[in-house]
Amino acid sequence: MQPVIYFLAITDWKFVKKIIIIPAFNEEATIEKVLSSAKEFCPDYDILVINDGSTDGTLDIARSFAFTKTINLPINLGVGGAVQTGFLYSRRNGYDLAVQIDADGQHKPSEVPKITEPLLRNEADVVIGSRFIERGSYRKMTFRRLGIKLFSLTNKILLKEKITDSTSGFRSYNKKAIGILSVNYPDDYPEPEAIYILKRKGLRIKEVPVEMTSRLGGKSSISVFESIYYMIKVFLAIFVLILRKQE
């Protein structure tokens, strides 16, 4: 019976509304390749670019693709505000599944089936694509790798759950997760804190191994000093969230 149930689940999911959310800030060097790849490997998804107040040609390039939907934020809100805009759009337009992909080319659209299959099988509400479950070609600088390991240890202590890549923005969400995060999503550096928001709501989170690359072009907005600030801020936010009463 199990193979029949699984087949029916996949058949049903072929008819749901699916969307790829791509937050973008000054990514004119990479956005064209990212959009072309997303269309090639995810032809049954709508593709939404949230232009987060870019001052370069990111918006013009995104709008040049007929298949791309765009939202232009007049000021830079940061990745949290841009991604939440995508969740709001997805909820208001009735999407059942959303995939988050970075605009810098680190996330491969060809890997999208890996992070959506657990949703299709109803094994999870949110799936995180992890760089660290399996040993691949992706490498992080030593300092940032240490930060990721600290997040992993914190998850194990506070959530009693092993999550190896809390900072990964390569994620998929079902309709329930979209609804929650459209209302409550951290402002900046949101990925680790979002895990706690979702777990407090009782959602199931699963990690799967994916292959990522270094950014294809442009420059990361996070320096070493900003990375230190990032870790301190996120750890404080997580502990405040844990101590706060469930709403």
Protein backbone atom coordinates (compact mmCIF):
# COMPACT_ATOMS: atom_id res chain seq x y z
CA MET A 1 0.00 0.00 0.00
CA GLN A 2 2.80 2.44 0.77
CA PRO A 3 3.97 2.86 -2.88
CA VAL A 4 0.37 3.62 -3.92
CA ILE A 5 -0.03 6.26 -1.21
CA TYR A 6 3.25 7.87 -2.23
CA PHE A 7 2.23 7.94 -5.90
CA LEU A 8 -1.06 9.61 -5.10
CA ALA A 9 0.68 12.23 -2.96
CA ILE A 10 3.02 13.17 -5.81
CA THR A 11 0.17 13.26 -8.32
CA ASP A 12 -1.79 15.65 -6.11
CA TRP A 13 1.25 17.93 -5.70
CA LYS A 14 1.57 18.35 -9.45
CA PHE A 15 -1.48 20.58 -9.33
CA VAL A 16 -0.51 22.84 -6.43
CA LYS A 17 0.78 26.38 -6.81
CA LYS A 18 4.54 26.58 -6.38
CA ILE A 19 6.78 29.62 -6.25
CA ILE A 20 10.49 30.41 -6.01
CA ILE A 21 11.31 33.48 -3.90
CA ILE A 22 14.58 35.23 -4.76
CA PRO A 23 15.59 38.20 -2.55
CA ALA A 24 18.10 40.36 -4.42
CA PHE A 25 20.22 43.35 -3.46
CA ASN A 26 22.75 44.62 -6.02
CA GLU A 27 23.16 41.26 -7.75
CA GLU A 28 23.37 42.41 -11.38
CA ALA A 29 26.43 40.18 -11.90
CA THR A 30 24.54 36.99 -11.04
CA ILE A 31 20.77 37.46 -11.28
CA GLU A 32 20.54 36.66 -15.00
CA LYS A 33 22.19 33.27 -14.61
CA VAL A 34 20.15 32.48 -11.49
CA LEU A 35 16.86 33.24 -13.24
CA SER A 36 17.79 31.28 -16.36
CA SER A 37 18.77 28.29 -14.25
CA ALA A 38 15.61 28.50 -12.13
CA LYS A 39 13.45 28.49 -15.25
CA GLU A 40 15.38 25.57 -16.73
CA PHE A 41 15.25 23.29 -13.70
CA CYS A 42 11.94 24.44 -12.15
CA PRO A 43 9.66 25.10 -15.16
CA ASP A 44 6.47 24.48 -13.16
CA TYR A 45 7.28 27.14 -10.54
CA ASP A 46 6.40 30.82 -10.64
CA ILE A 47 9.52 32.89 -10.04
CA LEU A 48 9.42 36.01 -7.86
CA VAL A 49 12.33 38.44 -7.46
CA ILE A 50 12.18 40.81 -4.50
CA ASN A 51 14.41 43.72 -5.46
CA ASP A 52 15.56 45.00 -2.08
CA GLY A 53 16.33 48.62 -2.97
CA SER A 54 19.15 47.77 -5.40
CA THR A 55 21.10 50.68 -6.82
CA ASP A 56 22.52 48.74 -9.78
CA GLY A 57 20.83 46.98 -12.71
CA THR A 58 19.32 44.08 -10.74
CA LEU A 59 15.71 45.20 -11.20
CA ASP A 60 16.06 45.91 -14.92
CA ILE A 61 17.61 42.50 -15.54
CA ALA A 62 14.90 40.72 -13.55
CA ARG A 63 12.16 42.58 -15.42
CA SER A 64 13.72 41.66 -18.76
CA PHE A 65 12.64 38.03 -18.22
CA ALA A 66 9.01 37.67 -19.26
CA PHE A 67 8.43 34.74 -16.90
CA THR A 68 9.65 36.62 -13.82
CA LYS A 69 7.40 38.40 -11.34
CA THR A 70 9.08 41.30 -9.54
CA ILE A 71 8.41 43.36 -6.44
CA ASN A 72 10.49 46.52 -6.10
CA LEU A 73 11.11 47.66 -2.53
CA PRO A 74 11.84 51.42 -2.56
CA ILE A 75 14.44 51.10 0.22
CA ASN A 76 16.76 48.34 1.39
CA LEU A 77 14.96 46.35 4.09
CA GLY A 78 17.59 43.64 4.42
CA VAL A 79 17.17 39.96 3.65
CA GLY A 80 14.54 39.47 6.37
CA GLY A 81 12.23 42.14 5.02
CA ALA A 82 12.73 41.00 1.44
CA VAL A 83 12.01 37.35 2.18
CA GLN A 84 8.98 38.19 4.32
CA THR A 85 7.66 40.23 1.40
CA GLY A 86 7.89 37.01 -0.62
CA PHE A 87 5.97 35.10 2.05
CA LEU A 88 3.27 37.77 2.13
CA TYR A 89 2.94 37.60 -1.64
CA SER A 90 2.81 33.80 -1.53
CA ARG A 91 0.14 33.71 1.16
CA ARG A 92 -2.06 36.33 -0.47
CA ASN A 93 -1.87 34.58 -3.83
CA GLY A 94 -2.61 31.12 -2.52
CA TYR A 95 0.69 29.33 -3.06
CA ASP A 96 1.01 25.91 -1.45
CA LEU A 97 4.80 25.56 -1.65
CA ALA A 98 7.58 28.14 -1.65
CA VAL A 99 11.29 27.71 -2.25
CA GLN A 100 13.80 30.35 -1.14
CA ILE A 101 16.90 30.80 -3.33
CA ASP A 102 19.69 33.38 -3.00
CA ALA A 103 20.37 35.67 -5.96
CA ASP A 104 24.15 35.30 -5.78
CA GLY A 105 24.25 31.88 -7.42
CA GLN A 106 25.25 29.82 -4.38
CA HIS A 107 22.02 27.82 -4.46
CA LYS A 108 21.55 25.49 -7.43
CA PRO A 109 18.00 25.30 -8.82
CA SER A 110 18.89 21.80 -9.98
CA GLU A 111 18.92 20.84 -6.27
CA VAL A 112 15.34 22.06 -5.66
CA PRO A 113 13.82 18.53 -5.93
CA LYS A 114 15.99 17.45 -2.99
CA ILE A 115 14.54 20.08 -0.67
CA THR A 116 10.94 19.67 -1.82
CA GLU A 117 10.64 15.87 -1.78
CA PRO A 118 10.14 15.69 2.03
CA LEU A 119 7.26 18.16 1.64
CA LEU A 120 5.73 16.01 -1.10
CA ARG A 121 5.98 12.96 1.14
CA ASN A 122 4.50 14.93 4.08
CA GLU A 123 7.62 14.25 6.13
CA ALA A 124 8.24 17.92 6.98
CA ASP A 125 6.75 21.42 6.90
CA VAL A 126 10.09 23.11 6.23
CA VAL A 127 13.17 21.65 4.58
CA ILE A 128 16.66 23.13 4.87
CA GLY A 129 19.32 22.42 2.27
CA SER A 130 22.49 21.70 4.27
CA ARG A 131 26.06 22.11 3.07
CA PHE A 132 27.46 20.04 5.92
CA ILE A 133 25.54 16.75 6.14
CA GLU A 134 27.78 15.36 3.44
CA ARG A 135 31.28 16.46 2.54
CA GLY A 136 31.10 18.39 -0.73
CA SER A 137 32.98 21.06 -2.60
CA TYR A 138 31.57 23.98 -0.59
CA ARG A 139 33.90 25.50 1.99
CA LYS A 140 33.29 28.28 4.48
CA MET A 141 35.99 30.48 5.95
CA THR A 142 37.14 29.19 9.35
CA PHE A 143 35.50 31.94 11.44
CA ARG A 144 32.08 31.52 9.84
CA ARG A 145 32.34 27.73 10.05
CA LEU A 146 32.88 28.13 13.80
CA GLY A 147 29.75 30.26 14.04
CA ILE A 148 27.70 27.65 12.20
CA LYS A 149 28.95 24.95 14.57
CA LEU A 150 27.95 27.09 17.57
CA PHE A 151 24.45 27.47 16.12
CA SER A 152 24.30 23.71 15.63
CA LEU A 153 25.30 23.12 19.27
CA THR A 154 22.70 25.64 20.46
CA ASN A 155 20.00 23.87 18.45
CA LYS A 156 20.98 20.54 19.97
CA ILE A 157 20.81 21.93 23.51
CA LEU A 158 17.67 24.07 23.22
CA LEU A 159 15.65 22.19 20.61
CA LYS A 160 16.98 18.69 21.22
CA GLU A 161 17.42 18.50 17.47
CA LYS A 162 20.47 18.34 15.24
CA ILE A 163 20.46 21.05 12.56
CA THR A 164 23.84 21.31 10.90
CA ASP A 165 23.30 24.40 8.73
CA SER A 166 21.15 26.98 10.53
CA THR A 167 22.39 29.81 8.30
CA SER A 168 21.40 28.16 5.01
CA GLY A 169 18.88 30.24 3.08
CA PHE A 170 18.15 27.42 0.65
CA ARG A 171 14.81 26.25 2.04
CA SER A 172 11.36 25.04 1.08
CA TYR A 173 8.10 25.70 2.94
CA ASN A 174 4.58 24.32 2.86
CA LYS A 175 1.45 26.44 3.16
CA LYS A 176 1.38 26.33 6.95
CA ALA A 177 4.97 27.57 7.20
CA ILE A 178 4.33 30.30 4.62
CA GLY A 179 1.41 31.57 6.72
CA ILE A 180 3.45 31.69 9.94
CA LEU A 181 6.50 33.39 8.43
CA SER A 182 4.42 35.93 6.50
CA VAL A 183 3.34 37.28 9.90
CA ASN A 184 6.46 36.71 12.01
CA TYR A 185 9.90 36.76 10.39
CA PRO A 186 13.14 38.26 11.78
CA ASP A 187 14.33 41.55 10.29
CA ASP A 188 17.94 40.70 9.45
CA TYR A 189 20.10 37.57 9.54
CA PRO A 190 16.81 35.68 9.91
CA GLU A 191 17.60 32.04 9.13
CA PRO A 192 18.74 30.70 12.56
CA GLU A 193 16.04 32.57 14.48
CA ALA A 194 13.31 31.46 12.05
CA ILE A 195 14.01 27.85 13.06
CA TYR A 196 12.96 28.64 16.63
CA ILE A 197 9.85 30.53 15.50
CA LEU A 198 8.77 27.52 13.44
CA LYS A 199 9.55 24.98 16.17
CA ARG A 200 7.54 26.97 18.73
CA LYS A 201 4.58 26.62 16.38
CA GLY A 202 5.07 22.86 16.25
CA LEU A 203 6.30 22.64 12.67
CA ARG A 204 8.48 19.77 11.47
CA ILE A 205 11.89 20.78 10.15
CA LYS A 206 14.07 18.45 8.13
CA GLU A 207 17.56 18.86 6.67
CA VAL A 208 18.74 17.28 3.44
CA PRO A 209 22.24 17.37 1.93
CA VAL A 210 22.68 19.69 -1.06
CA GLU A 211 25.59 20.88 -3.14
CA MET A 212 26.28 24.62 -3.12
CA THR A 213 28.93 26.79 -4.73
CA SER A 214 30.66 30.04 -3.85
CA ARG A 215 28.86 33.15 -5.06
CA LEU A 216 29.11 33.56 -8.82
CA GLY A 217 29.86 37.27 -8.70
CA GLY A 218 29.41 40.48 -6.76
CA LYS A 219 30.49 40.91 -3.15
CA SER A 220 29.12 39.59 0.12
CA SER A 221 27.60 42.27 2.33
CA ILE A 222 28.84 40.55 5.51
CA SER A 223 32.37 41.42 6.67
CA VAL A 224 34.27 39.75 9.51
CA PHE A 225 33.14 42.39 12.01
CA GLU A 226 29.56 42.13 10.76
CA SER A 227 29.80 38.35 11.20
CA ILE A 228 30.68 38.84 14.88
CA TYR A 229 27.76 41.23 15.29
CA TYR A 230 25.57 38.74 13.42
CA MET A 231 26.35 35.89 15.80
CA ILE A 232 25.88 37.98 18.95
CA LYS A 233 22.60 39.44 17.72
CA VAL A 234 21.18 36.10 16.65
CA PHE A 235 22.15 34.32 19.87
CA LEU A 236 20.49 37.08 21.91
CA ALA A 237 17.38 36.95 19.74
CA ILE A 238 17.16 33.17 20.12
CA PHE A 239 17.43 33.27 23.90
CA VAL A 240 14.82 36.06 24.13
CA LEU A 241 12.54 33.98 21.90
CA ILE A 242 13.03 30.91 24.10
CA LEU A 243 12.24 32.89 27.25
CA ARG A 244 9.21 34.64 25.76
CA LYS A 245 5.83 33.11 26.49
CA GLN A 246 4.17 31.24 23.64
CA GLU A 247 1.67 33.53 21.92
